[in-house]
Protein backbone atom coordinates (compact mmCIF):
# COMPACT_ATOMS: atom_id res chain seq x y z
CA MET A 1 23.49 -12.08 10.91
CA ASN A 2 26.52 -12.91 8.78
CA ASN A 3 24.10 -14.78 6.56
CA ILE A 4 22.37 -11.48 5.71
CA ASN A 5 25.68 -9.96 4.64
CA GLU A 6 26.42 -12.97 2.46
CA ILE A 7 22.97 -12.86 0.85
CA ILE A 8 23.35 -9.21 -0.13
CA LYS A 9 26.90 -9.76 -1.37
CA ALA A 10 25.74 -12.69 -3.53
CA GLN A 11 22.82 -10.70 -4.90
CA ARG A 12 25.05 -7.79 -5.89
CA ALA A 13 27.35 -10.17 -7.73
CA TYR A 14 24.42 -11.82 -9.49
CA TYR A 15 22.85 -8.48 -10.43
CA ASP A 16 26.15 -7.32 -11.89
CA THR A 17 26.10 -10.25 -14.34
CA GLY A 18 23.14 -8.61 -16.08
CA ALA A 19 21.04 -11.78 -15.78
CA THR A 20 17.98 -9.92 -14.49
CA ARG A 21 17.90 -7.34 -17.31
CA SER A 22 16.25 -9.50 -19.98
CA LEU A 23 12.50 -8.96 -20.25
CA SER A 24 11.94 -12.63 -21.05
CA PHE A 25 13.80 -13.53 -17.87
CA ARG A 26 11.67 -11.17 -15.79
CA LYS A 27 8.41 -12.52 -17.22
CA GLU A 28 9.45 -16.10 -16.59
CA GLN A 29 10.24 -15.34 -12.95
CA LEU A 30 6.79 -13.80 -12.51
CA GLN A 31 5.18 -16.82 -14.17
CA LYS A 32 7.03 -19.11 -11.77
CA MET A 33 5.37 -17.27 -8.92
CA ARG A 34 1.96 -17.52 -10.57
CA ARG A 35 2.30 -21.27 -11.15
CA TRP A 36 3.46 -21.90 -7.57
CA ILE A 37 0.51 -19.96 -6.12
CA HIS A 38 -1.99 -21.95 -8.18
CA ALA A 39 -0.32 -25.24 -7.26
CA HIS A 40 -0.28 -24.45 -3.53
CA GLU A 41 -3.61 -22.68 -3.15
CA GLU A 42 -4.82 -24.85 -0.28
CA GLU A 43 -1.54 -24.45 1.58
CA ILE A 44 -1.84 -20.67 1.36
CA TYR A 45 -5.44 -20.80 2.57
CA GLU A 46 -4.39 -22.87 5.55
CA ALA A 47 -1.59 -20.48 6.48
CA LEU A 48 -3.90 -17.46 6.34
CA ARG A 49 -6.45 -19.37 8.41
CA LYS A 50 -3.81 -20.08 11.08
CA ASP A 51 -2.55 -16.51 11.25
CA LEU A 52 -5.77 -14.52 10.89
CA ASN A 53 -8.64 -17.02 10.57
CA LYS A 54 -9.41 -15.82 7.04
CA ALA A 55 -12.06 -17.71 5.12
CA PRO A 56 -10.96 -19.01 1.69
CA PHE A 57 -13.06 -16.42 -0.17
CA GLU A 58 -11.62 -13.53 1.81
CA ALA A 59 -8.11 -14.99 1.48
CA TYR A 60 -8.40 -15.22 -2.29
CA ALA A 61 -10.19 -11.90 -2.82
CA THR A 62 -7.87 -9.80 -0.65
CA GLU A 63 -4.59 -11.68 -0.90
CA MET A 64 -3.96 -14.27 -3.63
CA GLY A 65 -6.23 -12.78 -6.26
CA ILE A 66 -4.60 -9.35 -6.05
CA VAL A 67 -1.12 -10.85 -6.42
CA LEU A 68 -2.18 -12.95 -9.41
CA GLU A 69 -3.75 -9.91 -11.07
CA GLU A 70 -0.55 -7.92 -10.53
CA ILE A 71 1.48 -10.70 -12.17
CA LYS A 72 -0.91 -10.92 -15.12
CA TYR A 73 -0.94 -7.16 -15.61
CA ALA A 74 2.85 -6.84 -15.38
CA CYS A 75 3.51 -9.62 -17.87
CA SER A 76 1.02 -8.10 -20.32
CA HIS A 77 2.49 -4.59 -20.18
CA LEU A 78 6.17 -5.07 -19.36
CA ASN A 79 7.43 -4.60 -22.91
CA GLY A 80 5.82 -1.19 -23.12
CA TRP A 81 6.91 -0.10 -19.65
CA ALA A 82 10.54 -1.04 -20.24
CA ARG A 83 10.81 0.58 -23.68
CA PRO A 84 12.86 3.81 -23.79
CA LYS A 85 10.52 6.79 -24.10
CA ARG A 86 11.39 9.58 -26.48
CA VAL A 87 10.71 13.08 -25.16
CA LEU A 88 10.80 16.51 -26.76
CA THR A 89 14.15 18.23 -27.29
CA PRO A 90 14.61 22.00 -26.86
CA ILE A 91 15.50 23.87 -30.03
CA THR A 92 18.67 25.13 -28.35
CA GLN A 93 20.01 21.57 -28.48
CA PHE A 94 19.30 21.01 -32.18
CA PRO A 95 20.16 18.59 -33.69
CA SER A 96 19.65 15.92 -31.01
CA ALA A 97 17.15 13.43 -29.58
CA CYS A 98 16.15 12.92 -25.91
CA PHE A 99 15.11 9.67 -24.27
CA ARG A 100 14.29 8.27 -20.83
CA TYR A 101 15.60 4.80 -20.11
CA PRO A 102 14.13 2.79 -17.21
CA GLU A 103 16.70 0.70 -15.38
CA PRO A 104 16.50 -1.40 -12.19
CA TYR A 105 17.92 0.00 -8.97
CA GLY A 106 19.85 -3.18 -8.15
CA VAL A 107 19.35 -4.99 -4.85
CA VAL A 108 16.15 -3.96 -3.07
CA LEU A 109 14.57 -4.71 0.30
CA VAL A 110 10.84 -5.43 0.68
CA MET A 111 9.56 -5.32 4.28
CA SER A 112 5.94 -6.36 4.78
CA PRO A 113 3.35 -6.36 7.60
CA TRP A 114 1.15 -9.05 9.13
CA ASN A 115 -2.38 -7.91 8.29
CA TYR A 116 -2.35 -8.97 4.63
CA PRO A 117 0.85 -11.00 4.87
CA PHE A 118 0.67 -12.70 1.48
CA GLN A 119 -0.52 -9.81 -0.67
CA LEU A 120 1.56 -7.06 0.93
CA THR A 121 4.72 -9.12 0.57
CA LEU A 122 4.30 -10.40 -2.96
CA ALA A 123 2.57 -7.48 -4.70
CA PRO A 124 5.60 -5.20 -4.13
CA LEU A 125 7.90 -8.10 -5.06
CA VAL A 126 6.11 -8.38 -8.42
CA GLY A 127 7.03 -4.75 -9.05
CA ALA A 128 10.65 -5.27 -7.96
CA LEU A 129 11.14 -8.29 -10.22
CA SER A 130 9.32 -6.80 -13.20
CA ALA A 131 11.73 -3.86 -13.00
CA GLY A 132 14.72 -6.23 -13.10
CA ASN A 133 15.98 -6.07 -9.51
CA CYS A 134 17.27 -8.67 -7.11
CA ALA A 135 15.34 -8.68 -3.83
CA VAL A 136 15.58 -9.49 -0.15
CA VAL A 137 12.14 -10.10 1.36
CA LYS A 138 11.37 -9.67 5.05
CA PRO A 139 7.85 -10.87 5.96
CA SER A 140 6.35 -10.22 9.38
CA ALA A 141 7.12 -12.38 12.41
CA TYR A 142 3.54 -11.80 13.61
CA SER A 143 2.14 -13.97 10.79
CA PRO A 144 4.50 -16.97 11.03
CA ALA A 145 2.45 -19.49 9.04
CA THR A 146 2.13 -17.23 6.00
CA SER A 147 5.74 -16.08 6.29
CA ALA A 148 6.82 -19.73 6.25
CA VAL A 149 4.78 -20.38 3.10
CA ILE A 150 6.33 -17.36 1.40
CA ALA A 151 9.82 -18.54 2.39
CA LYS A 152 9.03 -22.00 1.04
CA MET A 153 7.74 -20.61 -2.25
CA ILE A 154 10.66 -18.28 -2.86
CA GLY A 155 13.15 -20.95 -1.82
CA GLU A 156 11.67 -23.41 -4.32
CA ILE A 157 11.37 -21.12 -7.34
CA TYR A 158 14.29 -18.65 -7.04
CA PRO A 159 18.00 -18.99 -6.24
CA LYS A 160 19.06 -17.04 -3.15
CA GLN A 161 21.34 -14.81 -5.18
CA TYR A 162 18.22 -13.58 -7.01
CA VAL A 163 15.48 -13.48 -4.34
CA SER A 164 15.92 -14.41 -0.71
CA VAL A 165 13.69 -14.41 2.37
CA VAL A 166 14.89 -13.39 5.82
CA LEU A 167 12.66 -14.62 8.64
CA GLY A 168 12.72 -13.34 12.20
CA GLY A 169 11.77 -10.36 14.30
CA ARG A 170 13.28 -7.10 15.51
CA GLU A 171 16.91 -8.21 15.48
CA GLU A 172 16.68 -9.30 11.86
CA ASN A 173 14.87 -6.08 10.94
CA LYS A 174 17.57 -4.05 12.64
CA GLU A 175 20.35 -5.92 10.86
CA LEU A 176 18.67 -5.56 7.48
CA LEU A 177 18.27 -1.82 7.97
CA ASN A 178 21.98 -1.55 8.78
CA GLN A 179 22.77 -2.86 5.30
CA ARG A 180 23.12 -0.80 2.16
CA PHE A 181 20.30 -1.46 -0.29
CA ASP A 182 19.55 0.35 -3.52
CA TYR A 183 15.88 0.75 -2.64
CA ILE A 184 13.69 -0.01 0.38
CA PHE A 185 9.97 -0.69 0.17
CA PHE A 186 8.29 -0.75 3.58
CA THR A 187 4.69 -1.42 4.51
CA GLY A 188 3.70 -1.03 8.16
CA GLY A 189 3.14 1.45 10.96
CA VAL A 190 4.26 5.04 11.21
CA THR A 191 6.68 4.46 14.11
CA VAL A 192 8.67 1.77 12.32
CA GLY A 193 8.36 3.71 9.05
CA LYS A 194 10.27 6.59 10.62
CA LEU A 195 13.02 4.20 11.71
CA VAL A 196 13.21 2.79 8.18
CA MET A 197 13.58 6.26 6.71
CA GLU A 198 16.20 7.21 9.30
CA SER A 199 18.21 4.07 8.50
CA ALA A 200 17.90 4.65 4.76
CA SER A 201 19.21 8.19 5.15
CA LYS A 202 22.63 6.86 6.17
CA TYR A 203 23.17 5.69 2.60
CA LEU A 204 20.75 8.12 0.90
CA THR A 205 18.70 5.09 -0.09
CA PRO A 206 15.36 5.96 -1.72
CA VAL A 207 12.31 4.55 0.04
CA THR A 208 8.63 3.90 -0.41
CA LEU A 209 6.66 4.01 2.84
CA GLU A 210 3.18 2.51 2.80
CA LEU A 211 1.86 3.45 6.22
CA GLY A 212 -1.67 4.11 7.50
CA GLY A 213 -3.49 6.57 9.69
CA LYS A 214 -7.01 7.47 10.63
CA SER A 215 -9.04 7.24 7.42
CA PRO A 216 -12.43 8.96 7.70
CA CYS A 217 -15.74 7.85 6.23
CA ILE A 218 -18.30 10.62 5.69
CA VAL A 219 -22.01 10.04 5.07
CA ASP A 220 -24.12 13.08 4.27
CA GLU A 221 -27.90 13.46 4.38
CA THR A 222 -28.28 12.78 0.63
CA ALA A 223 -26.56 9.39 0.69
CA ASN A 224 -28.21 6.06 -0.12
CA ILE A 225 -28.32 4.97 3.52
CA LYS A 226 -28.88 1.23 2.98
CA LEU A 227 -26.08 0.90 0.45
CA ALA A 228 -23.77 3.15 2.48
CA ALA A 229 -24.28 0.95 5.55
CA LYS A 230 -23.67 -2.24 3.57
CA ARG A 231 -20.47 -1.01 1.94
CA LEU A 232 -19.23 0.62 5.14
CA VAL A 233 -19.73 -2.56 7.19
CA TRP A 234 -17.96 -4.62 4.54
CA GLY A 235 -14.96 -2.29 4.29
CA LYS A 236 -14.63 -1.60 8.00
CA PHE A 237 -14.89 -5.16 9.28
CA LEU A 238 -13.01 -6.89 6.44
CA ASN A 239 -10.16 -8.79 8.11
CA ALA A 240 -11.72 -7.74 11.44
CA GLY A 241 -10.78 -4.14 10.75
CA GLN A 242 -7.07 -4.96 10.43
CA THR A 243 -6.78 -3.11 7.14
CA CYS A 244 -4.64 -0.02 6.58
CA VAL A 245 -7.35 1.59 4.44
CA ALA A 246 -10.32 0.53 6.58
CA PRO A 247 -12.67 3.39 7.53
CA ASP A 248 -11.18 4.35 10.88
CA TYR A 249 -14.02 6.59 12.04
CA LEU A 250 -17.41 7.71 10.78
CA PHE A 251 -18.77 11.21 10.34
CA VAL A 252 -22.53 11.09 9.65
CA HIS A 253 -24.98 13.95 9.15
CA LYS A 254 -27.12 14.41 12.24
CA SER A 255 -30.38 14.07 10.32
CA VAL A 256 -29.56 10.52 9.09
CA LYS A 257 -27.47 9.26 11.97
CA ASP A 258 -30.14 7.07 13.57
CA ALA A 259 -31.18 5.61 10.24
CA LEU A 260 -27.58 4.80 9.30
CA LEU A 261 -26.78 3.20 12.65
CA GLY A 262 -29.93 1.11 12.37
CA GLU A 263 -28.86 -0.14 8.93
CA ILE A 264 -25.32 -0.80 10.15
CA LYS A 265 -26.71 -3.07 12.87
CA LYS A 266 -28.76 -4.97 10.28
CA GLN A 267 -25.78 -5.38 7.96
CA ILE A 268 -23.49 -6.63 10.73
CA LYS A 269 -26.05 -9.27 11.63
CA ALA A 270 -26.59 -10.21 7.97
CA MET A 271 -22.87 -10.58 7.24
CA PHE A 272 -21.53 -12.03 10.49
CA GLY A 273 -24.52 -13.53 12.31
CA GLU A 274 -25.97 -13.08 15.78
CA GLN A 275 -22.64 -13.90 17.45
CA PRO A 276 -19.82 -12.70 15.18
CA GLU A 277 -17.26 -13.41 17.87
CA LYS A 278 -18.08 -17.11 17.43
CA ASN A 279 -18.33 -17.09 13.64
CA PRO A 280 -15.76 -19.60 12.29
CA ASP A 281 -15.23 -17.47 9.15
CA TYR A 282 -14.80 -14.15 10.93
CA PRO A 283 -11.12 -13.15 11.22
CA LYS A 284 -9.32 -12.99 14.54
CA ILE A 285 -7.04 -10.35 16.05
CA ILE A 286 -3.42 -11.11 15.23
CA ASN A 287 -2.05 -11.47 18.77
CA ASP A 288 -2.72 -10.95 22.48
CA LYS A 289 -1.07 -7.52 22.55
CA HIS A 290 -3.41 -6.07 19.93
CA PHE A 291 -6.37 -7.95 21.42
CA ALA A 292 -5.82 -6.22 24.77
CA ARG A 293 -5.20 -2.83 23.13
CA LEU A 294 -8.50 -2.99 21.24
CA GLN A 295 -10.45 -3.93 24.34
CA GLY A 296 -9.07 -0.80 25.98
CA LEU A 297 -10.32 1.36 23.12
CA MET A 298 -13.88 0.11 23.65
CA LYS A 299 -14.12 1.60 27.14
CA ASP A 300 -14.88 5.13 25.94
CA GLY A 301 -18.23 6.31 24.59
CA HIS A 302 -21.46 4.32 24.25
CA ILE A 303 -21.51 0.98 22.44
CA VAL A 304 -24.35 0.97 19.92
CA THR A 305 -23.76 -2.61 18.86
CA GLY A 306 -21.09 -5.26 19.40
CA GLY A 307 -18.48 -5.25 22.14
CA GLN A 308 -18.51 -9.02 22.65
CA ILE A 309 -15.16 -10.80 22.71
CA ASN A 310 -14.00 -14.39 22.46
CA GLU A 311 -10.88 -14.83 24.59
CA GLU A 312 -10.23 -18.31 23.25
CA THR A 313 -10.14 -17.32 19.58
CA ARG A 314 -9.17 -13.62 19.91
CA GLN A 315 -12.28 -12.54 18.01
CA ILE A 316 -14.00 -9.21 18.70
CA ALA A 317 -17.50 -8.65 17.39
CA PRO A 318 -17.94 -5.67 15.04
CA THR A 319 -18.37 -2.79 17.43
CA VAL A 320 -19.91 0.63 16.82
CA ILE A 321 -19.38 3.38 19.41
CA GLU A 322 -21.10 6.76 19.62
CA ASP A 323 -20.76 9.75 22.00
CA ILE A 324 -17.20 10.17 20.72
CA THR A 325 -15.24 13.40 20.25
CA GLY A 326 -11.96 14.21 18.59
CA ASN A 327 -10.31 14.04 22.04
CA SER A 328 -11.53 10.53 22.86
CA PRO A 329 -8.80 7.86 23.31
CA VAL A 330 -10.15 5.90 20.34
CA MET A 331 -9.49 8.95 18.15
CA GLN A 332 -5.83 9.32 19.15
CA GLU A 333 -4.40 6.39 17.21
CA GLU A 334 -5.16 4.22 14.22
CA ILE A 335 -7.62 1.63 15.51
CA PHE A 336 -6.66 -1.29 13.26
CA GLY A 337 -9.48 -3.44 14.56
CA PRO A 338 -13.27 -3.97 14.42
CA ILE A 339 -14.22 -0.78 16.26
CA LEU A 340 -16.04 2.08 14.53
CA PRO A 341 -16.30 5.40 16.41
CA VAL A 342 -19.17 7.61 15.24
CA MET A 343 -19.41 11.40 15.26
CA GLU A 344 -22.15 13.56 13.79
CA PHE A 345 -22.04 16.79 11.81
CA THR A 346 -24.44 19.38 10.43
CA ASP A 347 -22.08 21.27 8.12
CA LEU A 348 -19.62 19.57 5.78
CA ALA A 349 -17.16 22.41 6.39
CA GLN A 350 -16.85 21.12 9.98
CA VAL A 351 -15.69 17.75 8.71
CA ILE A 352 -13.22 19.25 6.27
CA GLU A 353 -11.71 21.35 9.03
CA PHE A 354 -11.52 18.35 11.38
CA VAL A 355 -9.72 16.14 8.85
CA ASN A 356 -7.37 18.86 7.63
CA LYS A 357 -6.15 19.66 11.15
CA ARG A 358 -4.83 16.12 11.53
CA GLU A 359 -2.24 14.03 9.73
CA LYS A 360 -3.16 13.34 6.11
CA PRO A 361 -5.04 10.03 6.02
CA LEU A 362 -4.24 7.11 3.76
CA ALA A 363 -7.84 6.95 2.55
CA LEU A 364 -11.11 8.89 2.64
CA TYR A 365 -14.61 7.66 1.82
CA PHE A 366 -17.56 9.90 1.05
CA PHE A 367 -21.16 8.79 0.57
CA THR A 368 -23.27 11.43 -1.17
CA THR A 369 -25.43 12.01 -4.22
CA LYS A 370 -24.34 15.64 -4.68
CA LYS A 371 -21.59 16.17 -7.25
CA GLU A 372 -20.72 19.61 -5.95
CA ARG A 373 -19.97 18.04 -2.54
CA GLU A 374 -17.79 15.41 -4.19
CA LYS A 375 -15.79 18.19 -5.81
CA LEU A 376 -15.53 20.04 -2.49
CA ILE A 377 -14.04 17.03 -0.69
CA LEU A 378 -11.73 16.18 -3.59
CA SER A 379 -10.41 19.72 -3.86
CA ARG A 380 -10.18 20.66 -0.18
CA VAL A 381 -8.89 17.52 1.58
CA SER A 382 -5.52 15.84 1.00
CA TYR A 383 -5.34 12.06 1.38
CA GLY A 384 -3.76 9.06 -0.30
CA GLY A 385 -6.80 7.82 -2.22
CA GLY A 386 -10.33 6.68 -1.63
CA CYS A 387 -13.84 6.14 -2.94
CA ILE A 388 -17.04 8.00 -3.56
CA ASN A 389 -19.96 5.83 -2.41
CA ASP A 390 -17.82 2.82 -1.52
CA THR A 391 -14.93 1.78 0.70
CA VAL A 392 -11.54 0.06 0.30
CA VAL A 393 -11.96 -1.17 -3.30
CA HIS A 394 -9.86 1.61 -4.82
CA LEU A 395 -6.69 -0.30 -3.93
CA ALA A 396 -7.77 -3.53 -5.64
CA THR A 397 -6.88 -2.51 -9.18
CA SER A 398 -3.72 -2.65 -11.25
CA TYR A 399 -4.91 0.28 -13.36
CA MET A 400 -4.51 2.86 -10.61
CA PRO A 401 -1.63 3.50 -8.17
CA PHE A 402 -2.03 3.18 -4.44
CA GLY A 403 -0.12 5.03 -1.73
CA GLY A 404 -0.19 7.60 1.03
CA VAL A 405 0.75 11.23 1.47
CA GLY A 406 2.38 13.03 4.38
CA GLY A 407 1.92 11.07 7.60
CA SER A 408 0.26 8.17 5.72
CA GLY A 409 3.30 7.46 3.58
CA MET A 410 5.19 8.32 0.42
CA GLY A 411 5.46 6.66 -2.96
CA GLN A 412 2.93 4.52 -4.81
CA TYR A 413 2.62 1.10 -6.37
CA HIS A 414 0.31 -1.34 -8.21
CA GLY A 415 0.41 -1.95 -11.94
CA LYS A 416 2.67 0.36 -13.91
CA GLU A 417 3.42 2.40 -10.79
CA SER A 418 5.07 -0.67 -9.21
CA PHE A 419 7.43 -0.95 -12.16
CA GLU A 420 8.22 2.76 -11.99
CA THR A 421 8.70 2.67 -8.19
CA PHE A 422 11.44 0.05 -8.54
CA SER A 423 13.03 1.67 -11.61
CA HIS A 424 15.36 4.60 -12.06
CA ARG A 425 14.59 6.52 -15.24
CA LYS A 426 17.80 7.95 -16.59
CA SER A 427 17.64 10.84 -19.03
CA ILE A 428 19.80 10.67 -22.16
CA MET A 429 20.40 13.23 -24.89
CA LYS A 430 21.93 11.91 -28.10
CA LYS A 431 23.60 14.64 -30.16
CA SER A 432 24.14 14.53 -33.87
CA LEU A 433 27.69 14.44 -35.22
CA LEU A 434 26.70 16.08 -38.47
CA ILE A 435 26.39 19.65 -37.22
CA ASP A 436 28.09 21.44 -34.32
CA ILE A 437 26.58 24.88 -33.78
CA PRO A 438 29.24 27.22 -32.32
CA LEU A 439 26.76 29.31 -30.28
CA ARG A 440 27.62 27.76 -26.87
CA TYR A 441 31.39 27.90 -27.16
CA ALA A 442 33.73 30.61 -25.84
CA PRO A 443 34.79 33.21 -26.66
CA TYR A 444 31.23 34.54 -26.44
CA LYS A 445 30.08 37.24 -28.82
CA ASP A 446 27.34 39.81 -28.44
CA LEU A 447 25.56 38.31 -31.41
CA TYR A 448 25.44 34.90 -29.67
CA LEU A 449 23.52 36.34 -26.72
CA LYS A 450 21.01 38.03 -29.01
CA VAL A 451 20.49 34.80 -30.94
CA LEU A 452 20.06 32.78 -27.71
CA LYS A 453 17.43 35.19 -26.37
CA LEU A 454 15.63 35.11 -29.69
CA ILE A 455 15.54 31.30 -29.77
CA GLN A 456 14.18 31.07 -26.21
CA LYS A 457 11.33 33.54 -26.72
């Protein structure tokens, strides 16, 4: 634990030298990461295979590729992001000029989860480094192979006084949260997120919390049923459902329910085969604890398809369950696995009411061909982000920020938003020395008040 104290002390000293402020320095550090990832691609694939049984395509598409895109985007736009921005000046402060200067926070902590262990560790780190910070990185103990690769990478390309990795479990997390950081970026569950925020409050440390929740998918009677089923199956069972923005439950219009469930069955078979639980490219559940928890959630309702498990590999076939209500056990917590509860509706207002009575979800997906219904959902339901006629893909872009709201988190990142998340923007007014208008100075005169009111009209 003393090592953690020494790391933070060394990083503060290094940050105070100003070495991280140069834009050329920041870009070079990001390029070091890019080059290492390309040079060790197979090693990263192997680690993700060990931890989650991810196929190379899925590993690249959902992990490495997103990090590489973030690096590319940051390096291309960093000069513009870091440039002081001139803003309007009120006439009462004439003559002067106002600017906003982005500056790094200092020494930041990035805590990441196990479900996308490579992407969700390094994508925030890209933002932290592009903003000019030093960083302590804490990857998850539940994904040890990937965490080890990340530690190896950072150890080889960065000095510890700049970026350092702390491996371990709860004790290390606890010790890190007892330290004073200038910013904390946490991705994980709601329970731990609350502890992070509580710890940060001791030092008034600003935080970003990327959490989760029960993200609904809604399919109305006008939707393209075949395409909805295809995109829903892909998004839900990606990484065996262990995705924070996976569709957590399905609301389908009663008139198209049977048709949609029929198509979902076909798509599961087409994507994962007759026995998904034995498919060598189908991801596994992260550990025995979650494996047992998910099996318990399959005991309620009627299984439409799936339900098979592979004890040896911890794989659970994509499972669809109907005869579910809002009070069912599977609806009381974020599923975070390959189980899709299904409920039907006849009036979209019912769905809006159902979602709005619960914690604000991280994502929402709506399949429809009616623009007025799109507008209704967008205007009446609060959630982090989502898609119309697709699932999950809204987070895979550097052009748009990603984050939660309310119970699903606070703060955003990706692209420019990552830079801004890890930057403080200080406001500066530069006054002219040529003129000094006496209006604001005592002793105040009646005329001054009249002039001030006139100016501000």
